Amino acid sequence: LAKISHISLDISIEKEACPLGLAPTSSTVNTLIMGDALAITLMQMKQFDSASFARSHPGGSLGATLLTKVEDVLDNRSSEACCAPEDSIKSVILKLCMTGLGMVSIVENNSTIGVFTDGDLKRCLATDSDLDRPIQSVMTKNFTHTRLHSLGYEAATLMLDKAITALPVLGEENEFLGVVNLSQIHKAGVQCKI
């Protein structure tokens, strides 16, 4: 092959690592290294990015990770996970239980102004027993969110980085569109960092 090729890359070895000198060990490592180096070089030359990779690997977890957007994993519960600022803590607890997403968005004039999570509920019950107060008195005002067209992988990574399990989904005008959680993203086959 080397004699009839225009370019030959010599990856030969003097001796295999196998003590008997029989099993291909060092030679297979050299072959892997050269194959990876050629593939990476070609990817850079052809400007092969994650979108290109997703197009050529649409199935399985790689395709799901590179192609699944937040909008693809939202279900009926997602848009129901909201309440008004004047709703009672008690009614919001019921909504938390009914939707099972781990978060309720507090929405005013179609904009999310705060969130109330399972963690907020635990903290609330530990310090206060008046569940008839409005949710706006205990909601989290500084919250992290995601967008409808964001990749599920990006939303999951954001949640893991912030040590949270759910995010409100906002539209281009910051309007409330739903709530997404890690479980929904994982069920879609999206792999995210641990």
Protein backbone atom coordinates (compact mmCIF):
# COMPACT_ATOMS: atom_id res chain seq x y z
CA LEU A 1 0.00 0.00 0.00
CA ALA A 2 2.81 2.40 0.88
CA LYS A 3 4.50 1.81 -2.52
CA ILE A 4 1.40 2.68 -4.53
CA SER A 5 0.38 5.64 -2.31
CA HIS A 6 1.26 9.29 -2.92
CA ILE A 7 1.95 9.82 0.80
CA SER A 8 2.95 7.20 3.34
CA LEU A 9 2.83 7.75 7.10
CA ASP A 10 5.11 5.28 8.84
CA ILE A 11 3.66 4.12 12.16
CA SER A 12 5.68 0.93 12.36
CA ILE A 13 7.09 -0.23 15.68
CA GLU A 14 10.29 -2.01 16.64
CA LYS A 15 8.61 -4.38 19.07
CA GLU A 16 5.14 -5.16 20.44
CA ALA A 17 4.52 -4.56 24.15
CA CYS A 18 3.28 -8.14 24.51
CA PRO A 19 6.00 -10.10 26.39
CA LEU A 20 5.65 -12.94 23.89
CA GLY A 21 5.86 -10.53 20.97
CA LEU A 22 2.74 -12.09 19.50
CA ALA A 23 -0.31 -10.00 20.39
CA PRO A 24 -0.67 -6.69 18.56
CA THR A 25 -0.39 -4.10 21.32
CA SER A 26 1.91 -1.18 20.50
CA SER A 27 0.99 -1.40 16.81
CA THR A 28 -2.75 -1.12 17.55
CA VAL A 29 -2.14 1.93 19.77
CA ASN A 30 -0.17 3.60 16.96
CA THR A 31 -2.96 2.83 14.49
CA LEU A 32 -5.59 4.33 16.82
CA ILE A 33 -3.51 7.46 17.39
CA MET A 34 -2.93 7.99 13.66
CA GLY A 35 -6.60 7.36 12.85
CA ASP A 36 -7.73 9.90 15.47
CA ALA A 37 -5.16 12.47 14.30
CA LEU A 38 -6.30 12.12 10.68
CA ALA A 39 -9.99 12.32 11.63
CA ILE A 40 -9.52 15.43 13.78
CA THR A 41 -7.40 17.13 11.10
CA LEU A 42 -10.02 16.39 8.45
CA MET A 43 -12.81 17.66 10.73
CA GLN A 44 -10.98 20.95 11.15
CA MET A 45 -10.20 21.26 7.44
CA LYS A 46 -13.84 20.56 6.46
CA GLN A 47 -15.18 22.75 9.33
CA PHE A 48 -17.16 19.76 10.62
CA ASP A 49 -19.09 21.08 13.65
CA SER A 50 -21.61 19.59 16.09
CA ALA A 51 -24.49 20.31 13.68
CA SER A 52 -22.66 18.36 10.94
CA PHE A 53 -22.07 15.54 13.40
CA ALA A 54 -25.75 15.47 14.35
CA ARG A 55 -26.80 15.26 10.68
CA SER A 56 -24.58 12.25 10.11
CA HIS A 57 -25.51 10.55 13.43
CA PRO A 58 -29.24 11.32 13.88
CA GLY A 59 -30.10 8.20 15.89
CA GLY A 60 -29.15 7.13 19.39
CA SER A 61 -27.94 9.25 22.26
CA LEU A 62 -25.44 11.25 20.16
CA GLY A 63 -28.17 12.37 17.77
CA ALA A 64 -30.58 13.06 20.64
CA THR A 65 -27.96 15.09 22.49
CA LEU A 66 -27.10 17.18 19.44
CA LEU A 67 -30.59 17.60 17.97
CA THR A 68 -33.18 17.60 20.80
CA LYS A 69 -34.41 21.04 21.74
CA VAL A 70 -36.27 22.12 24.86
CA GLU A 71 -39.46 22.49 22.81
CA ASP A 72 -39.21 18.79 21.86
CA VAL A 73 -39.48 17.59 25.47
CA LEU A 74 -42.21 19.88 26.81
CA ASP A 75 -45.47 18.08 27.55
CA ASN A 76 -48.97 19.09 28.71
CA ARG A 77 -47.83 19.44 32.32
CA SER A 78 -45.24 22.04 31.30
CA SER A 79 -47.68 24.81 30.47
CA GLU A 80 -49.81 24.04 33.55
CA ALA A 81 -46.90 24.60 35.95
CA CYS A 82 -47.70 28.24 36.59
CA CYS A 83 -49.72 30.40 38.97
CA ALA A 84 -50.49 34.02 39.73
CA PRO A 85 -48.52 36.02 42.34
CA GLU A 86 -51.59 36.32 44.57
CA ASP A 87 -52.29 32.55 44.62
CA SER A 88 -51.87 30.99 48.04
CA ILE A 89 -48.87 28.90 48.96
CA LYS A 90 -51.31 26.03 49.61
CA SER A 91 -52.71 26.16 46.05
CA VAL A 92 -49.21 26.27 44.58
CA ILE A 93 -48.23 23.20 46.61
CA LEU A 94 -51.15 21.38 44.96
CA LYS A 95 -49.93 22.50 41.54
CA LEU A 96 -46.40 21.29 42.36
CA CYS A 97 -47.86 17.88 43.19
CA MET A 98 -50.17 17.74 40.15
CA THR A 99 -47.54 18.65 37.56
CA GLY A 100 -44.67 16.71 39.14
CA LEU A 101 -42.05 18.89 37.46
CA GLY A 102 -40.43 20.20 40.65
CA MET A 103 -41.21 23.84 39.88
CA VAL A 104 -44.06 26.27 39.38
CA SER A 105 -43.51 29.59 37.60
CA ILE A 106 -45.17 32.67 39.07
CA VAL A 107 -46.57 34.53 36.07
CA GLU A 108 -47.86 38.09 35.86
CA ASN A 109 -48.94 39.63 32.54
CA ASN A 110 -47.64 36.48 30.82
CA SER A 111 -44.11 37.07 32.21
CA THR A 112 -42.39 34.88 34.77
CA ILE A 113 -41.59 37.06 37.80
CA GLY A 114 -40.46 34.26 40.08
CA VAL A 115 -40.39 30.52 40.69
CA PHE A 116 -41.34 28.18 43.50
CA THR A 117 -39.54 24.84 43.63
CA ASP A 118 -39.66 21.67 45.71
CA GLY A 119 -36.66 23.07 47.58
CA ASP A 120 -38.46 26.36 48.22
CA LEU A 121 -41.39 24.37 49.60
CA LYS A 122 -39.16 22.55 52.10
CA ARG A 123 -37.57 25.81 53.23
CA CYS A 124 -41.00 27.44 53.51
CA LEU A 125 -42.44 24.63 55.64
CA ALA A 126 -39.40 24.65 57.90
CA THR A 127 -39.79 28.34 58.74
CA ASP A 128 -43.48 29.20 58.31
CA SER A 129 -46.82 27.47 58.76
CA ASP A 130 -49.09 30.10 57.17
CA LEU A 131 -49.89 28.47 53.82
CA ASP A 132 -52.66 30.96 53.01
CA ARG A 133 -50.16 33.74 52.28
CA PRO A 134 -49.63 34.70 48.62
CA ILE A 135 -46.88 32.81 46.80
CA GLN A 136 -45.15 36.06 45.86
CA SER A 137 -44.13 36.44 49.52
CA VAL A 138 -41.91 33.32 49.34
CA MET A 139 -41.09 32.93 45.62
CA THR A 140 -37.53 33.01 44.32
CA LYS A 141 -37.14 36.21 42.32
CA ASN A 142 -33.64 35.62 40.95
CA PHE A 143 -34.06 32.50 38.86
CA THR A 144 -32.33 30.78 35.98
CA HIS A 145 -34.30 30.06 32.80
CA THR A 146 -33.96 28.50 29.38
CA ARG A 147 -35.39 29.25 25.95
CA LEU A 148 -37.75 27.19 23.82
CA HIS A 149 -35.24 26.70 20.99
CA SER A 150 -32.25 25.93 23.25
CA LEU A 151 -30.76 22.46 23.05
CA GLY A 152 -31.93 20.06 25.73
CA TYR A 153 -28.26 19.31 26.39
CA GLU A 154 -27.60 22.99 27.17
CA ALA A 155 -30.61 23.20 29.51
CA ALA A 156 -29.56 20.01 31.33
CA THR A 157 -25.98 21.24 31.67
CA LEU A 158 -27.25 24.56 33.07
CA MET A 159 -29.37 22.72 35.64
CA LEU A 160 -26.48 20.49 36.70
CA ASP A 161 -24.14 23.49 36.97
CA LYS A 162 -26.66 25.34 39.17
CA ALA A 163 -27.60 22.19 41.16
CA ILE A 164 -31.28 22.54 40.24
CA THR A 165 -33.69 20.13 38.57
CA ALA A 166 -36.11 22.36 36.64
CA LEU A 167 -36.16 25.59 34.64
CA PRO A 168 -38.89 27.91 33.41
CA VAL A 169 -38.98 28.07 29.60
CA LEU A 170 -39.32 31.60 28.23
CA GLY A 171 -40.09 32.84 24.73
CA GLU A 172 -38.42 35.59 22.76
CA GLU A 173 -40.45 38.25 24.59
CA ASN A 174 -39.72 36.58 27.95
CA GLU A 175 -43.26 35.18 27.99
CA PHE A 176 -43.90 32.01 30.01
CA LEU A 177 -44.05 28.89 27.82
CA GLY A 178 -43.63 26.09 30.32
CA VAL A 179 -41.32 24.30 32.72
CA VAL A 180 -38.73 21.70 31.76
CA ASN A 181 -36.92 19.35 34.13
CA LEU A 182 -33.98 16.95 33.98
CA SER A 183 -36.24 13.91 33.86
CA GLN A 184 -37.96 15.08 30.66
CA ILE A 185 -34.60 15.71 29.01
CA HIS A 186 -33.17 12.35 30.06
CA LYS A 187 -36.28 10.52 28.81
CA ALA A 188 -35.66 12.07 25.38
CA GLY A 189 -32.31 10.27 25.29
CA VAL A 190 -30.18 13.34 25.83
CA GLN A 191 -26.88 12.60 27.54
CA CYS A 192 -25.42 15.32 29.72
CA LYS A 193 -22.33 15.70 31.84
CA ILE A 194 -22.21 14.12 35.26
